[in-house]
Amino acid sequence: MSVDRLGRIGSGIPVECATRLLEQNWPRSTLLTPADIGLGGRETAAAEFLGMVESLSDAGFLAYEALVFNSDGPMLVDATLTARGRAMLAREANRAN
């Protein structure tokens, strides 16, 4: 599946990892952390994660219950792709075929 459009939205690979993870968990929501999308212990992980959240949210592709900050870093509680995000992924998949 191609997520080229999503990859261009924000921070590239983390955006693609996040959308794949959310798509795999659909229709359930999930807890999403920087480590879940390949940012691990990088010093810039929190900033990159927040940039990805902002990009996907601003585009209308991501919904979540809460953004929590704790000593482990930021996390999204009950994150899921919106109908708009799923439709865009479907269009990208059709375009790739």
PDB file of N, CA and C in Angstrom:
ATOM      1  N   MET A   1       0.842  -1.173   0.000  1.00  0.00           N
ATOM      2  CA  MET A   1       0.000   0.000   0.000  1.00  0.00           C
ATOM      3  C   MET A   1       0.883   1.230   0.000  1.00  0.00           C
ATOM      4  N   SER A   2       0.480   2.220  -0.739  1.00  0.00           N
ATOM      5  CA  SER A   2       1.210   3.474  -0.805  1.00  0.00           C
ATOM      6  C   SER A   2       0.596   4.485   0.149  1.00  0.00           C
ATOM      7  N   VAL A   3       1.437   5.097   0.927  1.00  0.00           N
ATOM      8  CA  VAL A   3       0.982   6.192   1.777  1.00  0.00           C
ATOM      9  C   VAL A   3       1.816   7.428   1.444  1.00  0.00           C
ATOM     10  N   ASP A   4       2.125   7.599   0.161  1.00  0.00           N
ATOM     11  CA  ASP A   4       2.970   8.703  -0.275  1.00  0.00           C
ATOM     12  C   ASP A   4       2.429  10.044   0.182  1.00  0.00           C
ATOM     13  N   ARG A   5       1.131  10.252   0.020  1.00  0.00           N
ATOM     14  CA  ARG A   5       0.559  11.544   0.411  1.00  0.00           C
ATOM     15  C   ARG A   5       0.732  11.785   1.899  1.00  0.00           C
ATOM     16  N   LEU A   6       0.491  10.768   2.705  1.00  0.00           N
ATOM     17  CA  LEU A   6       0.684  10.921   4.146  1.00  0.00           C
ATOM     18  C   LEU A   6       2.145  11.157   4.472  1.00  0.00           C
ATOM     19  N   GLY A   7       3.033  10.491   3.773  1.00  0.00           N
ATOM     20  CA  GLY A   7       4.454  10.671   4.017  1.00  0.00           C
ATOM     21  C   GLY A   7       4.906  12.089   3.759  1.00  0.00           C
ATOM     22  N   ARG A   8       4.264  12.771   2.835  1.00  0.00           N
ATOM     23  CA  ARG A   8       4.624  14.155   2.528  1.00  0.00           C
ATOM     24  C   ARG A   8       3.983  15.140   3.493  1.00  0.00           C
ATOM     25  N   ILE A   9       2.998  14.697   4.255  1.00  0.00           N
ATOM     26  CA  ILE A   9       2.295  15.598   5.162  1.00  0.00           C
ATOM     27  C   ILE A   9       3.220  16.126   6.237  1.00  0.00           C
ATOM     28  N   GLY A  10       3.985  15.267   6.824  1.00  0.00           N
ATOM     29  CA  GLY A  10       4.758  15.710   7.971  1.00  0.00           C
ATOM     30  C   GLY A  10       6.163  15.183   7.962  1.00  0.00           C
ATOM     31  N   SER A  11       6.438  14.294   8.870  1.00  0.00           N
ATOM     32  CA  SER A  11       7.809  13.879   9.114  1.00  0.00           C
ATOM     33  C   SER A  11       8.169  12.556   8.455  1.00  0.00           C
ATOM     34  N   GLY A  12       7.566  12.229   7.331  1.00  0.00           N
ATOM     35  CA  GLY A  12       7.976  11.082   6.534  1.00  0.00           C
ATOM     36  C   GLY A  12       7.701   9.741   7.159  1.00  0.00           C
ATOM     37  N   ILE A  13       8.765   9.013   7.471  1.00  0.00           N
ATOM     38  CA  ILE A  13       8.656   7.639   7.944  1.00  0.00           C
ATOM     39  C   ILE A  13       7.790   7.516   9.199  1.00  0.00           C
ATOM     40  N   PRO A  14       7.928   8.392  10.209  1.00  0.00           N
ATOM     41  CA  PRO A  14       7.028   8.256  11.369  1.00  0.00           C
ATOM     42  C   PRO A  14       5.551   8.372  10.991  1.00  0.00           C
ATOM     43  N   VAL A  15       5.232   9.220  10.026  1.00  0.00           N
ATOM     44  CA  VAL A  15       3.841   9.358   9.578  1.00  0.00           C
ATOM     45  C   VAL A  15       3.374   8.052   8.951  1.00  0.00           C
ATOM     46  N   GLU A  16       4.206   7.472   8.104  1.00  0.00           N
ATOM     47  CA  GLU A  16       3.850   6.208   7.454  1.00  0.00           C
ATOM     48  C   GLU A  16       3.694   5.093   8.485  1.00  0.00           C
ATOM     49  N   CYS A  17       4.598   5.011   9.445  1.00  0.00           N
ATOM     50  CA  CYS A  17       4.499   3.990  10.504  1.00  0.00           C
ATOM     51  C   CYS A  17       3.227   4.168  11.322  1.00  0.00           C
ATOM     52  N   ALA A  18       2.921   5.404  11.666  1.00  0.00           N
ATOM     53  CA  ALA A  18       1.723   5.670  12.473  1.00  0.00           C
ATOM     54  C   ALA A  18       0.461   5.279  11.719  1.00  0.00           C
ATOM     55  N   THR A  19       0.371   5.661  10.447  1.00  0.00           N
ATOM     56  CA  THR A  19      -0.846   5.336   9.695  1.00  0.00           C
ATOM     57  C   THR A  19      -0.986   3.834   9.486  1.00  0.00           C
ATOM     58  N   ARG A  20       0.111   3.139   9.258  1.00  0.00           N
ATOM     59  CA  ARG A  20       0.033   1.677   9.117  1.00  0.00           C
ATOM     60  C   ARG A  20      -0.417   1.029  10.417  1.00  0.00           C
ATOM     61  N   LEU A  21       0.144   1.471  11.531  1.00  0.00           N
ATOM     62  CA  LEU A  21      -0.248   0.923  12.833  1.00  0.00           C
ATOM     63  C   LEU A  21      -1.721   1.181  13.113  1.00  0.00           C
ATOM     64  N   LEU A  22      -2.169   2.392  12.867  1.00  0.00           N
ATOM     65  CA  LEU A  22      -3.578   2.723  13.099  1.00  0.00           C
ATOM     66  C   LEU A  22      -4.492   1.947  12.156  1.00  0.00           C
ATOM     67  N   GLU A  23      -4.060   1.778  10.916  1.00  0.00           N
ATOM     68  CA  GLU A  23      -4.863   1.020   9.954  1.00  0.00           C
ATOM     69  C   GLU A  23      -4.955  -0.453  10.363  1.00  0.00           C
ATOM     70  N   GLN A  24      -3.864  -1.020  10.860  1.00  0.00           N
ATOM     71  CA  GLN A  24      -3.868  -2.419  11.302  1.00  0.00           C
ATOM     72  C   GLN A  24      -4.792  -2.632  12.496  1.00  0.00           C
ATOM     73  N   ASN A  25      -4.913  -1.629  13.337  1.00  0.00           N
ATOM     74  CA  ASN A  25      -5.748  -1.740  14.533  1.00  0.00           C
ATOM     75  C   ASN A  25      -7.203  -1.377  14.291  1.00  0.00           C
ATOM     76  N   TRP A  26      -7.517  -0.835  13.127  1.00  0.00           N
ATOM     77  CA  TRP A  26      -8.881  -0.428  12.825  1.00  0.00           C
ATOM     78  C   TRP A  26      -9.818  -1.619  12.935  1.00  0.00           C
ATOM     79  N   PRO A  27     -10.966  -1.574  13.528  1.00  0.00           N
ATOM     80  CA  PRO A  27     -11.678  -0.393  13.989  1.00  0.00           C
ATOM     81  C   PRO A  27     -11.395  -0.026  15.449  1.00  0.00           C
ATOM     82  N   ARG A  28     -10.495  -0.753  16.087  1.00  0.00           N
ATOM     83  CA  ARG A  28     -10.160  -0.425  17.477  1.00  0.00           C
ATOM     84  C   ARG A  28      -9.242   0.792  17.524  1.00  0.00           C
ATOM     85  N   SER A  29      -9.294   1.525  18.608  1.00  0.00           N
ATOM     86  CA  SER A  29      -8.354   2.607  18.835  1.00  0.00           C
ATOM     87  C   SER A  29      -7.152   2.026  19.578  1.00  0.00           C
ATOM     88  N   THR A  30      -6.081   2.796  19.640  1.00  0.00           N
ATOM     89  CA  THR A  30      -4.859   2.289  20.249  1.00  0.00           C
ATOM     90  C   THR A  30      -4.109   3.389  20.983  1.00  0.00           C
ATOM     91  N   LEU A  31      -3.254   2.990  21.891  1.00  0.00           N
ATOM     92  CA  LEU A  31      -2.334   3.903  22.548  1.00  0.00           C
ATOM     93  C   LEU A  31      -1.134   4.045  21.618  1.00  0.00           C
ATOM     94  N   LEU A  32      -0.752   5.261  21.312  1.00  0.00           N
ATOM     95  CA  LEU A  32       0.323   5.508  20.354  1.00  0.00           C
ATOM     96  C   LEU A  32       1.414   6.334  21.024  1.00  0.00           C
ATOM     97  N   THR A  33       2.658   5.831  20.964  1.00  0.00           N
ATOM     98  CA  THR A  33       3.815   6.518  21.560  1.00  0.00           C
ATOM     99  C   THR A  33       4.892   6.708  20.499  1.00  0.00           C
ATOM    100  N   PRO A  34       5.891   7.540  20.765  1.00  0.00           N
ATOM    101  CA  PRO A  34       6.991   7.698  19.800  1.00  0.00           C
ATOM    102  C   PRO A  34       7.682   6.370  19.477  1.00  0.00           C
ATOM    103  N   ALA A  35       7.851   5.506  20.463  1.00  0.00           N
ATOM    104  CA  ALA A  35       8.493   4.209  20.222  1.00  0.00           C
ATOM    105  C   ALA A  35       7.689   3.347  19.258  1.00  0.00           C
ATOM    106  N   ASP A  36       6.368   3.472  19.287  1.00  0.00           N
ATOM    107  CA  ASP A  36       5.502   2.673  18.415  1.00  0.00           C
ATOM    108  C   ASP A  36       5.704   2.994  16.943  1.00  0.00           C
ATOM    109  N   ILE A  37       6.183   4.200  16.653  1.00  0.00           N
ATOM    110  CA  ILE A  37       6.322   4.605  15.248  1.00  0.00           C
ATOM    111  C   ILE A  37       7.788   4.756  14.840  1.00  0.00           C
ATOM    112  N   GLY A  38       8.664   4.083  15.595  1.00  0.00           N
ATOM    113  CA  GLY A  38      10.060   4.013  15.207  1.00  0.00           C
ATOM    114  C   GLY A  38      10.942   5.157  15.666  1.00  0.00           C
ATOM    115  N   LEU A  39      10.447   5.990  16.558  1.00  0.00           N
ATOM    116  CA  LEU A  39      11.270   7.104  17.024  1.00  0.00           C
ATOM    117  C   LEU A  39      12.119   6.727  18.230  1.00  0.00           C
ATOM    118  N   GLY A  40      11.720   5.685  18.937  1.00  0.00           N
ATOM    119  CA  GLY A  40      12.486   5.148  20.051  1.00  0.00           C
ATOM    120  C   GLY A  40      13.003   6.186  21.018  1.00  0.00           C
ATOM    121  N   GLY A  41      14.252   6.054  21.386  1.00  0.00           N
ATOM    122  CA  GLY A  41      14.848   6.926  22.376  1.00  0.00           C
ATOM    123  C   GLY A  41      15.579   8.129  21.803  1.00  0.00           C
ATOM    124  N   ARG A  42      15.304   8.453  20.544  1.00  0.00           N
ATOM    125  CA  ARG A  42      15.967   9.598  19.934  1.00  0.00           C
ATOM    126  C   ARG A  42      15.693  10.857  20.741  1.00  0.00           C
ATOM    127  N   GLU A  43      16.671  11.737  20.788  1.00  0.00           N
ATOM    128  CA  GLU A  43      16.536  12.969  21.549  1.00  0.00           C
ATOM    129  C   GLU A  43      15.403  13.848  21.017  1.00  0.00           C
ATOM    130  N   THR A  44      15.153  13.764  19.744  1.00  0.00           N
ATOM    131  CA  THR A  44      14.112  14.581  19.111  1.00  0.00           C
ATOM    132  C   THR A  44      12.784  13.846  18.989  1.00  0.00           C
ATOM    133  N   ALA A  45      12.667  12.680  19.618  1.00  0.00           N
ATOM    134  CA  ALA A  45      11.477  11.840  19.462  1.00  0.00           C
ATOM    135  C   ALA A  45      10.189  12.564  19.842  1.00  0.00           C
ATOM    136  N   ALA A  46      10.182  13.263  20.968  1.00  0.00           N
ATOM    137  CA  ALA A  46       8.954  13.938  21.407  1.00  0.00           C
ATOM    138  C   ALA A  46       8.534  15.015  20.417  1.00  0.00           C
ATOM    139  N   ALA A  47       9.485  15.808  19.952  1.00  0.00           N
ATOM    140  CA  ALA A  47       9.166  16.875  18.994  1.00  0.00           C
ATOM    141  C   ALA A  47       8.695  16.305  17.663  1.00  0.00           C
ATOM    142  N   GLU A  48       9.342  15.246  17.183  1.00  0.00           N
ATOM    143  CA  GLU A  48       8.922  14.622  15.923  1.00  0.00           C
ATOM    144  C   GLU A  48       7.537  13.986  16.063  1.00  0.00           C
ATOM    145  N   PHE A  49       7.292  13.354  17.193  1.00  0.00           N
ATOM    146  CA  PHE A  49       5.999  12.733  17.451  1.00  0.00           C
ATOM    147  C   PHE A  49       4.897  13.790  17.443  1.00  0.00           C
ATOM    148  N   LEU A  50       5.127  14.884  18.147  1.00  0.00           N
ATOM    149  CA  LEU A  50       4.135  15.957  18.193  1.00  0.00           C
ATOM    150  C   LEU A  50       3.933  16.592  16.820  1.00  0.00           C
ATOM    151  N   GLY A  51       4.985  16.692  16.027  1.00  0.00           N
ATOM    152  CA  GLY A  51       4.856  17.197  14.657  1.00  0.00           C
ATOM    153  C   GLY A  51       4.000  16.283  13.802  1.00  0.00           C
ATOM    154  N   MET A  52       4.187  14.972  13.967  1.00  0.00           N
ATOM    155  CA  MET A  52       3.383  13.998  13.240  1.00  0.00           C
ATOM    156  C   MET A  52       1.918  14.090  13.661  1.00  0.00           C
ATOM    157  N   VAL A  53       1.667  14.194  14.968  1.00  0.00           N
ATOM    158  CA  VAL A  53       0.299  14.315  15.475  1.00  0.00           C
ATOM    159  C   VAL A  53      -0.355  15.575  14.908  1.00  0.00           C
ATOM    160  N   GLU A  54       0.360  16.663  14.948  1.00  0.00           N
ATOM    161  CA  GLU A  54      -0.176  17.922  14.431  1.00  0.00           C
ATOM    162  C   GLU A  54      -0.499  17.824  12.938  1.00  0.00           C
ATOM    163  N   SER A  55       0.404  17.248  12.169  1.00  0.00           N
ATOM    164  CA  SER A  55       0.200  17.129  10.720  1.00  0.00           C
ATOM    165  C   SER A  55      -1.023  16.286  10.387  1.00  0.00           C
ATOM    166  N   LEU A  56      -1.115  15.113  11.004  1.00  0.00           N
ATOM    167  CA  LEU A  56      -2.246  14.224  10.724  1.00  0.00           C
ATOM    168  C   LEU A  56      -3.562  14.800  11.233  1.00  0.00           C
ATOM    169  N   SER A  57      -3.519  15.433  12.396  1.00  0.00           N
ATOM    170  CA  SER A  57      -4.738  16.042  12.948  1.00  0.00           C
ATOM    171  C   SER A  57      -5.201  17.209  12.087  1.00  0.00           C
ATOM    172  N   ASP A  58      -4.273  18.080  11.702  1.00  0.00           N
ATOM    173  CA  ASP A  58      -4.626  19.237  10.869  1.00  0.00           C
ATOM    174  C   ASP A  58      -5.207  18.813   9.521  1.00  0.00           C
ATOM    175  N   ALA A  59      -4.738  17.676   8.997  1.00  0.00           N
ATOM    176  CA  ALA A  59      -5.249  17.169   7.731  1.00  0.00           C
ATOM    177  C   ALA A  59      -6.588  16.456   7.893  1.00  0.00           C
ATOM    178  N   GLY A  60      -6.996  16.206   9.142  1.00  0.00           N
ATOM    179  CA  GLY A  60      -8.264  15.533   9.394  1.00  0.00           C
ATOM    180  C   GLY A  60      -8.184  14.021   9.311  1.00  0.00           C
ATOM    181  N   PHE A  61      -6.964  13.466   9.426  1.00  0.00           N
ATOM    182  CA  PHE A  61      -6.770  12.025   9.282  1.00  0.00           C
ATOM    183  C   PHE A  61      -6.677  11.289  10.610  1.00  0.00           C
ATOM    184  N   LEU A  62      -6.539  12.011  11.720  1.00  0.00           N
ATOM    185  CA  LEU A  62      -6.286  11.392  13.009  1.00  0.00           C
ATOM    186  C   LEU A  62      -7.248  11.942  14.058  1.00  0.00           C
ATOM    187  N   ALA A  63      -7.782  11.036  14.859  1.00  0.00           N
ATOM    188  CA  ALA A  63      -8.606  11.414  16.014  1.00  0.00           C
ATOM    189  C   ALA A  63      -8.026  10.703  17.231  1.00  0.00           C
ATOM    190  N   TYR A  64      -8.133  11.356  18.384  1.00  0.00           N
ATOM    191  CA  TYR A  64      -7.647  10.739  19.620  1.00  0.00           C
ATOM    192  C   TYR A  64      -8.388  11.335  20.800  1.00  0.00           C
ATOM    193  N   GLU A  65      -8.426  10.554  21.861  1.00  0.00           N
ATOM    194  CA  GLU A  65      -9.144  10.973  23.071  1.00  0.00           C
ATOM    195  C   GLU A  65      -8.338  11.979  23.872  1.00  0.00           C
ATOM    196  N   ALA A  66      -7.032  11.724  24.021  1.00  0.00           N
ATOM    197  CA  ALA A  66      -6.204  12.610  24.839  1.00  0.00           C
ATOM    198  C   ALA A  66      -4.748  12.536  24.393  1.00  0.00           C
ATOM    199  N   LEU A  67      -4.057  13.646  24.551  1.00  0.00           N
ATOM    200  CA  LEU A  67      -2.610  13.712  24.373  1.00  0.00           C
ATOM    201  C   LEU A  67      -2.036  13.894  25.769  1.00  0.00           C
ATOM    202  N   VAL A  68      -1.285  12.896  26.225  1.00  0.00           N
ATOM    203  CA  VAL A  68      -0.777  12.879  27.595  1.00  0.00           C
ATOM    204  C   VAL A  68       0.740  13.015  27.574  1.00  0.00           C
ATOM    205  N   PHE A  69       1.246  13.856  28.468  1.00  0.00           N
ATOM    206  CA  PHE A  69       2.681  14.003  28.656  1.00  0.00           C
ATOM    207  C   PHE A  69       3.025  13.481  30.046  1.00  0.00           C
ATOM    208  N   ASN A  70       4.010  12.586  30.100  1.00  0.00           N
ATOM    209  CA  ASN A  70       4.486  12.106  31.391  1.00  0.00           C
ATOM    210  C   ASN A  70       5.991  11.930  31.308  1.00  0.00           C
ATOM    211  N   SER A  71       6.593  11.326  32.316  1.00  0.00           N
ATOM    212  CA  SER A  71       8.051  11.184  32.346  1.00  0.00           C
ATOM    213  C   SER A  71       8.581  10.303  31.219  1.00  0.00           C
ATOM    214  N   ASP A  72       7.721   9.460  30.647  1.00  0.00           N
ATOM    215  CA  ASP A  72       8.127   8.609  29.529  1.00  0.00           C
ATOM    216  C   ASP A  72       8.010   9.321  28.191  1.00  0.00           C
ATOM    217  N   GLY A  73       7.400  10.495  28.179  1.00  0.00           N
ATOM    218  CA  GLY A  73       7.217  11.237  26.942  1.00  0.00           C
ATOM    219  C   GLY A  73       5.754  11.319  26.567  1.00  0.00           C
ATOM    220  N   PRO A  74       5.464  11.875  25.388  1.00  0.00           N
ATOM    221  CA  PRO A  74       4.072  12.039  24.981  1.00  0.00           C
ATOM    222  C   PRO A  74       3.446  10.717  24.528  1.00  0.00           C
ATOM    223  N   MET A  75       2.133  10.645  24.640  1.00  0.00           N
ATOM    224  CA  MET A  75       1.396   9.490  24.124  1.00  0.00           C
ATOM    225  C   MET A  75      -0.012   9.934  23.748  1.00  0.00           C
ATOM    226  N   LEU A  76      -0.538   9.295  22.721  1.00  0.00           N
ATOM    227  CA  LEU A  76      -1.926   9.523  22.323  1.00  0.00           C
ATOM    228  C   LEU A  76      -2.766   8.381  22.865  1.00  0.00           C
ATOM    229  N   VAL A  77      -3.822   8.722  23.553  1.00  0.00           N
ATOM    230  CA  VAL A  77      -4.734   7.734  24.116  1.00  0.00           C
ATOM    231  C   VAL A  77      -5.908   7.572  23.158  1.00  0.00           C
ATOM    232  N   ASP A  78      -6.239   6.331  22.852  1.00  0.00           N
ATOM    233  CA  ASP A  78      -7.353   5.990  21.961  1.00  0.00           C
ATOM    234  C   ASP A  78      -7.229   6.666  20.603  1.00  0.00           C
ATOM    235  N   ALA A  79      -6.071   6.547  19.988  1.00  0.00           N
ATOM    236  CA  ALA A  79      -5.839   7.119  18.658  1.00  0.00           C
ATOM    237  C   ALA A  79      -6.443   6.218  17.589  1.00  0.00           C
ATOM    238  N   THR A  80      -6.981   6.844  16.542  1.00  0.00           N
ATOM    239  CA  THR A  80      -7.565   6.098  15.429  1.00  0.00           C
ATOM    240  C   THR A  80      -7.571   6.956  14.177  1.00  0.00           C
ATOM    241  N   LEU A  81      -7.610   6.304  13.033  1.00  0.00           N
ATOM    242  CA  LEU A  81      -7.771   7.026  11.775  1.00  0.00           C
ATOM    243  C   LEU A  81      -9.222   7.474  11.650  1.00  0.00           C
ATOM    244  N   THR A  82      -9.422   8.653  11.130  1.00  0.00           N
ATOM    245  CA  THR A  82     -10.775   9.132  10.867  1.00  0.00           C
ATOM    246  C   THR A  82     -11.282   8.511   9.567  1.00  0.00           C
ATOM    247  N   ALA A  83     -12.547   8.712   9.283  1.00  0.00           N
ATOM    248  CA  ALA A  83     -13.103   8.242   8.010  1.00  0.00           C
ATOM    249  C   ALA A  83     -12.351   8.887   6.849  1.00  0.00           C
ATOM    250  N   ARG A  84     -12.006  10.151   6.997  1.00  0.00           N
ATOM    251  CA  ARG A  84     -11.240  10.849   5.951  1.00  0.00           C
ATOM    252  C   ARG A  84      -9.863  10.199   5.759  1.00  0.00           C
ATOM    253  N   GLY A  85      -9.198   9.854   6.846  1.00  0.00           N
ATOM    254  CA  GLY A  85      -7.900   9.197   6.760  1.00  0.00           C
ATOM    255  C   GLY A  85      -7.987   7.830   6.108  1.00  0.00           C
ATOM    256  N   ARG A  86      -8.999   7.059   6.466  1.00  0.00           N
ATOM    257  CA  ARG A  86      -9.179   5.736   5.849  1.00  0.00           C
ATOM    258  C   ARG A  86      -9.503   5.865   4.369  1.00  0.00           C
ATOM    259  N   ALA A  87     -10.315   6.844   4.005  1.00  0.00           N
ATOM    260  CA  ALA A  87     -10.662   7.046   2.586  1.00  0.00           C
ATOM    261  C   ALA A  87      -9.430   7.431   1.783  1.00  0.00           C
ATOM    262  N   MET A  88      -8.591   8.286   2.356  1.00  0.00           N
ATOM    263  CA  MET A  88      -7.379   8.693   1.662  1.00  0.00           C
ATOM    264  C   MET A  88      -6.439   7.504   1.474  1.00  0.00           C
ATOM    265  N   LEU A  89      -6.313   6.654   2.491  1.00  0.00           N
ATOM    266  CA  LEU A  89      -5.478   5.454   2.360  1.00  0.00           C
ATOM    267  C   LEU A  89      -6.039   4.521   1.289  1.00  0.00           C
ATOM    268  N   ALA A  90      -7.351   4.394   1.226  1.00  0.00           N
ATOM    269  CA  ALA A  90      -7.964   3.546   0.199  1.00  0.00           C
ATOM    270  C   ALA A  90      -7.681   4.100  -1.191  1.00  0.00           C
ATOM    271  N   ARG A  91      -7.789   5.418  -1.357  1.00  0.00           N
ATOM    272  CA  ARG A  91      -7.478   6.036  -2.659  1.00  0.00           C
ATOM    273  C   ARG A  91      -6.017   5.806  -3.030  1.00  0.00           C
ATOM    274  N   GLU A  92      -5.120   5.935  -2.063  1.00  0.00           N
ATOM    275  CA  GLU A  92      -3.698   5.722  -2.323  1.00  0.00           C
ATOM    276  C   GLU A  92      -3.445   4.265  -2.710  1.00  0.00           C
ATOM    277  N   ALA A  93      -4.128   3.332  -2.033  1.00  0.00           N
ATOM    278  CA  ALA A  93      -3.960   1.916  -2.356  1.00  0.00           C
ATOM    279  C   ALA A  93      -4.473   1.612  -3.761  1.00  0.00           C
ATOM    280  N   ASN A  94      -5.610   2.198  -4.133  1.00  0.00           N
ATOM    281  CA  ASN A  94      -6.149   1.990  -5.482  1.00  0.00           C
ATOM    282  C   ASN A  94      -5.234   2.582  -6.529  1.00  0.00           C
ATOM    283  N   ARG A  95      -4.653   3.723  -6.227  1.00  0.00           N
ATOM    284  CA  ARG A  95      -3.749   4.375  -7.156  1.00  0.00           C
ATOM    285  C   ARG A  95      -2.488   3.535  -7.363  1.00  0.00           C
ATOM    286  N   ALA A  96      -2.024   2.852  -6.317  1.00  0.00           N
ATOM    287  CA  ALA A  96      -0.828   2.033  -6.395  1.00  0.00           C
ATOM    288  C   ALA A  96      -1.071   0.748  -7.204  1.00  0.00           C
ATOM    289  N   ASN A  97      -2.322   0.315  -7.276  1.00  0.00           N
ATOM    290  CA  ASN A  97      -2.654  -0.923  -8.005  1.00  0.00           C
ATOM    291  C   ASN A  97      -2.863  -0.675  -9.425  1.00  0.00           C
TER     292      ASN A  97
END
